[in-house]
Amino acid sequence: MYVAYVESLPVPDDHSKQFNAFKVAEDLFRKNVTKSAVVLDLGCGEGNSVDFFRSLAPEVNWFGIDLESSPEVDRRKRKDASFIDFDGTQIPFENNYFDVIFCHQVLEHVKYPSILLKEVARVLKPNGYFVGSTSHLEPYHSLSTWNYTPYGFHLLLSEAGLEFLEVRPGIDALTLIIRVGLGRPAFFARWWNQESPLNSLIGFVGRLIKKNNRQINFAKLMFCGQFCFLATK
């Protein structure tokens, strides 16, 4: 069962470091995306990812899309980018429009993910990229609806007509649970950008017993609170 599950997922073997959606997008732009790419932030919330993408590519054509109202949308103040409201399922753009669709911790809040992912496939250009992160084992937060296993997410992508290229572990679930239990102290924010405690332990033990990077990544994915993904059309 272990081998079959591992082999069905695009778990990388280049390294076993904890990742986040922004790091995956940064690597993608450095290797495979033009500086004038058309980018959609799906579930953009306050819209702050525009600064990140402009830092990667000043000529980027960035759009943000989200519900008309949500806790995150209602905090939006900025007026220096293109923001579009939508109904949560139908993306109001023509076919094959975007080079990159970015989706950072949004899909766990989506009521009809299979419908939305088919829309992602429709508006994504051939050979374009769908990149982001979502929840696996994460406690309730801000109207969350689903938690995905990496394999279940693989099935959803396949059904939508997208090819799953890569899945990497994000922050571990135990750290997220303790964070919620302590009232979300700011101290815990560091572990989205550096190895979180349980991930550090898994990495240490894995190297000690001479597991390879792919095996360590899989172990981290088993206990991750969030995972990062990269897919293409």
C-alpha atoms as a PDB file:
ATOM      1  CA  MET A   1       0.000   0.000   0.000  1.00  0.00           C
ATOM      2  CA  TYR A   2       2.819   2.415   0.892  1.00  0.00           C
ATOM      3  CA  VAL A   3       4.602   1.909  -2.441  1.00  0.00           C
ATOM      4  CA  ALA A   4       1.406   2.179  -4.505  1.00  0.00           C
ATOM      5  CA  TYR A   5       0.414   5.420  -2.794  1.00  0.00           C
ATOM      6  CA  VAL A   6       3.856   6.988  -3.218  1.00  0.00           C
ATOM      7  CA  GLU A   7       4.175   5.980  -6.858  1.00  0.00           C
ATOM      8  CA  SER A   8       0.798   7.493  -7.757  1.00  0.00           C
ATOM      9  CA  LEU A   9       1.900  10.982  -6.661  1.00  0.00           C
ATOM     10  CA  PRO A  10       4.495  13.361  -8.151  1.00  0.00           C
ATOM     11  CA  VAL A  11       6.542  13.557  -4.955  1.00  0.00           C
ATOM     12  CA  PRO A  12       9.930  15.129  -5.848  1.00  0.00           C
ATOM     13  CA  ASP A  13      13.315  13.712  -4.953  1.00  0.00           C
ATOM     14  CA  ASP A  14      15.508  16.804  -5.494  1.00  0.00           C
ATOM     15  CA  HIS A  15      15.267  17.830  -1.830  1.00  0.00           C
ATOM     16  CA  SER A  16      13.012  17.365   1.203  1.00  0.00           C
ATOM     17  CA  LYS A  17      12.720  20.957   2.443  1.00  0.00           C
ATOM     18  CA  GLN A  18       9.392  22.362   3.601  1.00  0.00           C
ATOM     19  CA  PHE A  19       7.860  24.640   0.944  1.00  0.00           C
ATOM     20  CA  ASN A  20       5.116  27.221   0.587  1.00  0.00           C
ATOM     21  CA  ALA A  21       3.106  28.431  -2.412  1.00  0.00           C
ATOM     22  CA  PHE A  22       5.217  31.548  -2.898  1.00  0.00           C
ATOM     23  CA  LYS A  23       8.429  29.545  -3.094  1.00  0.00           C
ATOM     24  CA  VAL A  24       6.909  27.213  -5.712  1.00  0.00           C
ATOM     25  CA  ALA A  25       5.780  30.239  -7.748  1.00  0.00           C
ATOM     26  CA  GLU A  26       9.186  31.878  -7.409  1.00  0.00           C
ATOM     27  CA  ASP A  27      10.949  28.775  -8.715  1.00  0.00           C
ATOM     28  CA  LEU A  28       8.422  28.516 -11.541  1.00  0.00           C
ATOM     29  CA  PHE A  29       9.000  32.101 -12.706  1.00  0.00           C
ATOM     30  CA  ARG A  30      12.745  31.687 -12.531  1.00  0.00           C
ATOM     31  CA  LYS A  31      12.701  28.592 -14.730  1.00  0.00           C
ATOM     32  CA  ASN A  32       9.613  28.524 -16.957  1.00  0.00           C
ATOM     33  CA  VAL A  33       7.536  31.730 -17.043  1.00  0.00           C
ATOM     34  CA  THR A  34       8.008  34.889 -19.126  1.00  0.00           C
ATOM     35  CA  LYS A  35       8.312  38.258 -17.405  1.00  0.00           C
ATOM     36  CA  SER A  36       5.125  39.541 -19.083  1.00  0.00           C
ATOM     37  CA  ALA A  37       2.977  36.606 -17.953  1.00  0.00           C
ATOM     38  CA  VAL A  38      -0.758  37.012 -17.386  1.00  0.00           C
ATOM     39  CA  VAL A  39      -1.427  35.869 -13.807  1.00  0.00           C
ATOM     40  CA  LEU A  40      -4.660  35.226 -11.918  1.00  0.00           C
ATOM     41  CA  ASP A  41      -4.702  35.090  -8.126  1.00  0.00           C
ATOM     42  CA  LEU A  42      -7.687  32.826  -7.522  1.00  0.00           C
ATOM     43  CA  GLY A  43      -9.131  33.770  -4.141  1.00  0.00           C
ATOM     44  CA  CYS A  44      -6.946  36.851  -3.833  1.00  0.00           C
ATOM     45  CA  GLY A  45      -8.456  38.142  -0.572  1.00  0.00           C
ATOM     46  CA  GLU A  46      -6.743  41.417   0.308  1.00  0.00           C
ATOM     47  CA  GLY A  47      -4.811  41.257  -2.956  1.00  0.00           C
ATOM     48  CA  ASN A  48      -1.322  41.444  -1.538  1.00  0.00           C
ATOM     49  CA  SER A  49       0.173  38.794  -3.831  1.00  0.00           C
ATOM     50  CA  VAL A  50       0.370  41.461  -6.543  1.00  0.00           C
ATOM     51  CA  ASP A  51       3.466  42.850  -4.796  1.00  0.00           C
ATOM     52  CA  PHE A  52       5.090  39.429  -4.799  1.00  0.00           C
ATOM     53  CA  PHE A  53       4.465  38.840  -8.508  1.00  0.00           C
ATOM     54  CA  ARG A  54       5.580  42.344  -9.463  1.00  0.00           C
ATOM     55  CA  SER A  55       8.817  41.702  -7.574  1.00  0.00           C
ATOM     56  CA  LEU A  56       9.349  38.576  -9.697  1.00  0.00           C
ATOM     57  CA  ALA A  57       8.354  40.223 -12.980  1.00  0.00           C
ATOM     58  CA  PRO A  58       7.625  43.987 -13.102  1.00  0.00           C
ATOM     59  CA  GLU A  59       5.803  43.566 -16.437  1.00  0.00           C
ATOM     60  CA  VAL A  60       3.407  40.935 -15.111  1.00  0.00           C
ATOM     61  CA  ASN A  61      -0.290  41.423 -15.944  1.00  0.00           C
ATOM     62  CA  TRP A  62      -1.934  40.508 -12.612  1.00  0.00           C
ATOM     63  CA  PHE A  63      -5.633  39.980 -11.880  1.00  0.00           C
ATOM     64  CA  GLY A  64      -7.199  39.154  -8.538  1.00  0.00           C
ATOM     65  CA  ILE A  65     -10.522  37.357  -8.251  1.00  0.00           C
ATOM     66  CA  ASP A  66     -12.593  36.526  -5.186  1.00  0.00           C
ATOM     67  CA  LEU A  67     -16.091  36.498  -3.757  1.00  0.00           C
ATOM     68  CA  GLU A  68     -17.829  39.837  -3.394  1.00  0.00           C
ATOM     69  CA  SER A  69     -17.480  39.532   0.383  1.00  0.00           C
ATOM     70  CA  SER A  70     -15.447  37.385   2.773  1.00  0.00           C
ATOM     71  CA  PRO A  71     -13.434  38.142   5.929  1.00  0.00           C
ATOM     72  CA  GLU A  72     -10.308  38.592   3.780  1.00  0.00           C
ATOM     73  CA  VAL A  73     -11.965  40.516   0.933  1.00  0.00           C
ATOM     74  CA  ASP A  74     -13.605  42.888   3.387  1.00  0.00           C
ATOM     75  CA  ARG A  75     -10.148  43.910   4.644  1.00  0.00           C
ATOM     76  CA  ARG A  76      -8.958  44.874   1.148  1.00  0.00           C
ATOM     77  CA  LYS A  77      -7.802  48.496   0.893  1.00  0.00           C
ATOM     78  CA  ARG A  78      -5.577  48.653  -2.163  1.00  0.00           C
ATOM     79  CA  LYS A  79      -6.672  50.163  -5.475  1.00  0.00           C
ATOM     80  CA  ASP A  80      -3.532  49.646  -7.581  1.00  0.00           C
ATOM     81  CA  ALA A  81      -4.510  46.362  -9.255  1.00  0.00           C
ATOM     82  CA  SER A  82      -7.380  44.713 -11.132  1.00  0.00           C
ATOM     83  CA  PHE A  83      -9.883  43.044  -8.789  1.00  0.00           C
ATOM     84  CA  ILE A  84     -12.894  41.076 -10.026  1.00  0.00           C
ATOM     85  CA  ASP A  85     -15.809  39.615  -8.068  1.00  0.00           C
ATOM     86  CA  PHE A  86     -17.127  36.152  -8.968  1.00  0.00           C
ATOM     87  CA  ASP A  87     -19.603  33.587  -7.702  1.00  0.00           C
ATOM     88  CA  GLY A  88     -17.043  31.040  -6.517  1.00  0.00           C
ATOM     89  CA  THR A  89     -17.420  28.701  -9.498  1.00  0.00           C
ATOM     90  CA  GLN A  90     -17.537  30.491 -12.883  1.00  0.00           C
ATOM     91  CA  ILE A  91     -14.351  32.431 -13.709  1.00  0.00           C
ATOM     92  CA  PRO A  92     -15.379  35.403 -15.919  1.00  0.00           C
ATOM     93  CA  PHE A  93     -12.575  35.162 -18.480  1.00  0.00           C
ATOM     94  CA  GLU A  94     -12.327  33.612 -21.930  1.00  0.00           C
ATOM     95  CA  ASN A  95     -10.745  30.239 -22.648  1.00  0.00           C
ATOM     96  CA  ASN A  96      -6.938  29.911 -22.583  1.00  0.00           C
ATOM     97  CA  TYR A  97      -6.367  33.345 -21.030  1.00  0.00           C
ATOM     98  CA  PHE A  98      -3.827  32.922 -18.204  1.00  0.00           C
ATOM     99  CA  ASP A  99      -0.211  31.804 -18.171  1.00  0.00           C
ATOM    100  CA  VAL A 100      -0.294  31.183 -14.412  1.00  0.00           C
ATOM    101  CA  ILE A 101      -3.117  30.729 -11.919  1.00  0.00           C
ATOM    102  CA  PHE A 102      -2.015  31.147  -8.316  1.00  0.00           C
ATOM    103  CA  CYS A 103      -4.165  29.803  -5.478  1.00  0.00           C
ATOM    104  CA  HIS A 104      -2.784  30.235  -1.972  1.00  0.00           C
ATOM    105  CA  GLN A 105      -4.759  28.476   0.795  1.00  0.00           C
ATOM    106  CA  VAL A 106      -8.108  28.964  -0.933  1.00  0.00           C
ATOM    107  CA  LEU A 107      -9.410  25.610  -2.146  1.00  0.00           C
ATOM    108  CA  GLU A 108     -10.231  24.409   1.356  1.00  0.00           C
ATOM    109  CA  HIS A 109     -12.802  27.235   1.460  1.00  0.00           C
ATOM    110  CA  VAL A 110     -14.412  26.464  -1.924  1.00  0.00           C
ATOM    111  CA  LYS A 111     -17.897  24.945  -1.811  1.00  0.00           C
ATOM    112  CA  TYR A 112     -17.696  23.204  -5.218  1.00  0.00           C
ATOM    113  CA  PRO A 113     -13.999  22.500  -5.872  1.00  0.00           C
ATOM    114  CA  SER A 114     -14.536  20.100  -8.800  1.00  0.00           C
ATOM    115  CA  ILE A 115     -16.501  22.755 -10.719  1.00  0.00           C
ATOM    116  CA  LEU A 116     -13.964  25.461  -9.967  1.00  0.00           C
ATOM    117  CA  LEU A 117     -10.997  23.301 -10.996  1.00  0.00           C
ATOM    118  CA  LYS A 118     -12.645  22.630 -14.360  1.00  0.00           C
ATOM    119  CA  GLU A 119     -12.912  26.403 -14.764  1.00  0.00           C
ATOM    120  CA  VAL A 120      -9.212  26.704 -13.888  1.00  0.00           C
ATOM    121  CA  ALA A 121      -8.443  24.256 -16.690  1.00  0.00           C
ATOM    122  CA  ARG A 122     -10.664  26.189 -19.113  1.00  0.00           C
ATOM    123  CA  VAL A 123      -9.082  29.631 -18.589  1.00  0.00           C
ATOM    124  CA  LEU A 124      -5.506  28.348 -18.291  1.00  0.00           C
ATOM    125  CA  LYS A 125      -3.431  28.464 -21.485  1.00  0.00           C
ATOM    126  CA  PRO A 126      -2.116  25.174 -22.895  1.00  0.00           C
ATOM    127  CA  ASN A 127       1.130  24.469 -21.028  1.00  0.00           C
ATOM    128  CA  GLY A 128       0.184  27.115 -18.456  1.00  0.00           C
ATOM    129  CA  TYR A 129       0.626  26.493 -14.730  1.00  0.00           C
ATOM    130  CA  PHE A 130      -1.682  26.129 -11.753  1.00  0.00           C
ATOM    131  CA  VAL A 131       0.339  26.702  -8.585  1.00  0.00           C
ATOM    132  CA  GLY A 132      -0.501  27.122  -4.937  1.00  0.00           C
ATOM    133  CA  SER A 133      -1.203  25.372  -1.657  1.00  0.00           C
ATOM    134  CA  THR A 134      -4.145  23.991   0.267  1.00  0.00           C
ATOM    135  CA  SER A 135      -4.978  22.292   3.559  1.00  0.00           C
ATOM    136  CA  HIS A 136      -4.484  18.637   4.427  1.00  0.00           C
ATOM    137  CA  LEU A 137      -4.697  18.331   8.235  1.00  0.00           C
ATOM    138  CA  GLU A 138      -5.543  21.850   9.360  1.00  0.00           C
ATOM    139  CA  PRO A 139      -8.073  22.847  12.035  1.00  0.00           C
ATOM    140  CA  TYR A 140     -11.031  25.021  11.216  1.00  0.00           C
ATOM    141  CA  HIS A 141     -10.112  28.511  10.041  1.00  0.00           C
ATOM    142  CA  SER A 142     -11.992  31.335   8.291  1.00  0.00           C
ATOM    143  CA  LEU A 143     -14.970  29.481   6.781  1.00  0.00           C
ATOM    144  CA  SER A 144     -12.922  26.422   5.810  1.00  0.00           C
ATOM    145  CA  THR A 145     -14.944  23.616   4.217  1.00  0.00           C
ATOM    146  CA  TRP A 146     -12.566  20.842   3.100  1.00  0.00           C
ATOM    147  CA  ASN A 147      -9.245  19.226   3.907  1.00  0.00           C
ATOM    148  CA  TYR A 148      -7.607  17.388   0.993  1.00  0.00           C
ATOM    149  CA  THR A 149      -5.300  14.414   0.969  1.00  0.00           C
ATOM    150  CA  PRO A 150      -2.584  14.737  -1.690  1.00  0.00           C
ATOM    151  CA  TYR A 151      -4.068  11.705  -3.452  1.00  0.00           C
ATOM    152  CA  GLY A 152      -7.604  13.093  -3.351  1.00  0.00           C
ATOM    153  CA  PHE A 153      -6.320  16.362  -4.767  1.00  0.00           C
ATOM    154  CA  HIS A 154      -4.591  14.399  -7.522  1.00  0.00           C
ATOM    155  CA  LEU A 155      -7.953  12.847  -8.448  1.00  0.00           C
ATOM    156  CA  LEU A 156      -9.659  16.258  -8.572  1.00  0.00           C
ATOM    157  CA  LEU A 157      -6.937  17.682 -10.815  1.00  0.00           C
ATOM    158  CA  SER A 158      -7.125  14.702 -13.168  1.00  0.00           C
ATOM    159  CA  GLU A 159     -10.905  14.942 -13.441  1.00  0.00           C
ATOM    160  CA  ALA A 160     -10.558  18.640 -14.297  1.00  0.00           C
ATOM    161  CA  GLY A 161      -8.107  17.904 -17.120  1.00  0.00           C
ATOM    162  CA  LEU A 162      -4.989  19.081 -15.299  1.00  0.00           C
ATOM    163  CA  GLU A 163      -1.714  17.210 -14.899  1.00  0.00           C
ATOM    164  CA  PHE A 164      -0.284  17.070 -11.382  1.00  0.00           C
ATOM    165  CA  LEU A 165       3.423  17.909 -11.709  1.00  0.00           C
ATOM    166  CA  GLU A 166       4.576  18.258  -8.118  1.00  0.00           C
ATOM    167  CA  VAL A 167       3.396  18.045  -4.507  1.00  0.00           C
ATOM    168  CA  ARG A 168       5.561  19.216  -1.616  1.00  0.00           C
ATOM    169  CA  PRO A 169       4.986  19.352   2.152  1.00  0.00           C
ATOM    170  CA  GLY A 170       4.103  22.634   3.799  1.00  0.00           C
ATOM    171  CA  ILE A 171       3.898  23.462   7.500  1.00  0.00           C
ATOM    172  CA  ASP A 172       3.154  20.415   9.668  1.00  0.00           C
ATOM    173  CA  ALA A 173      -0.282  19.737  11.178  1.00  0.00           C
ATOM    174  CA  LEU A 174       0.850  19.526  14.807  1.00  0.00           C
ATOM    175  CA  THR A 175       2.289  23.037  14.670  1.00  0.00           C
ATOM    176  CA  LEU A 176      -0.964  24.363  13.204  1.00  0.00           C
ATOM    177  CA  ILE A 177      -3.054  22.625  15.859  1.00  0.00           C
ATOM    178  CA  ILE A 178      -0.898  23.966  18.691  1.00  0.00           C
ATOM    179  CA  ARG A 179      -1.041  27.427  17.096  1.00  0.00           C
ATOM    180  CA  VAL A 180      -4.844  27.383  17.156  1.00  0.00           C
ATOM    181  CA  GLY A 181      -4.892  26.062  20.719  1.00  0.00           C
ATOM    182  CA  LEU A 182      -2.676  28.932  21.877  1.00  0.00           C
ATOM    183  CA  GLY A 183      -4.800  31.561  20.143  1.00  0.00           C
ATOM    184  CA  ARG A 184      -2.694  32.020  17.002  1.00  0.00           C
ATOM    185  CA  PRO A 185       0.302  33.858  18.504  1.00  0.00           C
ATOM    186  CA  ALA A 186       2.397  35.828  16.017  1.00  0.00           C
ATOM    187  CA  PHE A 187       5.456  33.778  16.998  1.00  0.00           C
ATOM    188  CA  PHE A 188       4.159  30.847  14.946  1.00  0.00           C
ATOM    189  CA  ALA A 189       4.249  32.796  11.667  1.00  0.00           C
ATOM    190  CA  ARG A 190       7.937  31.969  11.296  1.00  0.00           C
ATOM    191  CA  TRP A 191       7.101  28.353  10.489  1.00  0.00           C
ATOM    192  CA  TRP A 192       5.510  29.120   7.151  1.00  0.00           C
ATOM    193  CA  ASN A 193       8.912  30.259   5.904  1.00  0.00           C
ATOM    194  CA  GLN A 194      11.224  27.870   7.718  1.00  0.00           C
ATOM    195  CA  GLU A 195      11.119  24.216   8.703  1.00  0.00           C
ATOM    196  CA  SER A 196       8.364  23.697  11.278  1.00  0.00           C
ATOM    197  CA  PRO A 197       9.086  21.552  14.372  1.00  0.00           C
ATOM    198  CA  LEU A 198       7.546  18.229  13.300  1.00  0.00           C
ATOM    199  CA  ASN A 199       8.960  18.571   9.799  1.00  0.00           C
ATOM    200  CA  SER A 200      12.401  19.153  11.325  1.00  0.00           C
ATOM    201  CA  LEU A 201      12.029  15.980  13.394  1.00  0.00           C
ATOM    202  CA  ILE A 202      10.852  13.918  10.404  1.00  0.00           C
ATOM    203  CA  GLY A 203      13.767  15.193   8.335  1.00  0.00           C
ATOM    204  CA  PHE A 204      16.283  14.406  11.087  1.00  0.00           C
ATOM    205  CA  VAL A 205      14.979  10.884  11.656  1.00  0.00           C
ATOM    206  CA  GLY A 206      14.723  10.232   7.922  1.00  0.00           C
ATOM    207  CA  ARG A 207      18.345  11.178   7.341  1.00  0.00           C
ATOM    208  CA  LEU A 208      19.413   9.203  10.403  1.00  0.00           C
ATOM    209  CA  ILE A 209      17.866   6.010   9.045  1.00  0.00           C
ATOM    210  CA  LYS A 210      19.136   6.808   5.532  1.00  0.00           C
ATOM    211  CA  LYS A 211      15.849   7.522   3.770  1.00  0.00           C
ATOM    212  CA  ASN A 212      16.058   9.367   0.454  1.00  0.00           C
ATOM    213  CA  ASN A 213      14.530  12.762  -0.262  1.00  0.00           C
ATOM    214  CA  ARG A 214      11.396  11.328  -1.818  1.00  0.00           C
ATOM    215  CA  GLN A 215      10.733   9.074   1.153  1.00  0.00           C
ATOM    216  CA  ILE A 216      11.245  11.973   3.581  1.00  0.00           C
ATOM    217  CA  ASN A 217       8.926  14.178   1.517  1.00  0.00           C
ATOM    218  CA  PHE A 218       6.271  11.477   1.602  1.00  0.00           C
ATOM    219  CA  ALA A 219       6.609  11.125   5.382  1.00  0.00           C
ATOM    220  CA  LYS A 220       6.193  14.880   5.777  1.00  0.00           C
ATOM    221  CA  LEU A 221       3.158  14.827   3.478  1.00  0.00           C
ATOM    222  CA  MET A 222       1.518  12.229   5.717  1.00  0.00           C
ATOM    223  CA  PHE A 223       1.583  14.705   8.631  1.00  0.00           C
ATOM    224  CA  CYS A 224       1.430  18.051   6.846  1.00  0.00           C
ATOM    225  CA  GLY A 225      -1.130  20.685   7.719  1.00  0.00           C
ATOM    226  CA  GLN A 226      -0.780  22.210   4.259  1.00  0.00           C
ATOM    227  CA  PHE A 227       0.804  21.037   1.015  1.00  0.00           C
ATOM    228  CA  CYS A 228       2.005  22.883  -2.075  1.00  0.00           C
ATOM    229  CA  PHE A 229       1.127  21.880  -5.619  1.00  0.00           C
ATOM    230  CA  LEU A 230       2.138  22.541  -9.207  1.00  0.00           C
ATOM    231  CA  ALA A 231      -0.025  21.428 -12.124  1.00  0.00           C
ATOM    232  CA  THR A 232      -0.272  22.160 -15.836  1.00  0.00           C
ATOM    233  CA  LYS A 233      -2.791  21.946 -18.637  1.00  0.00           C
END
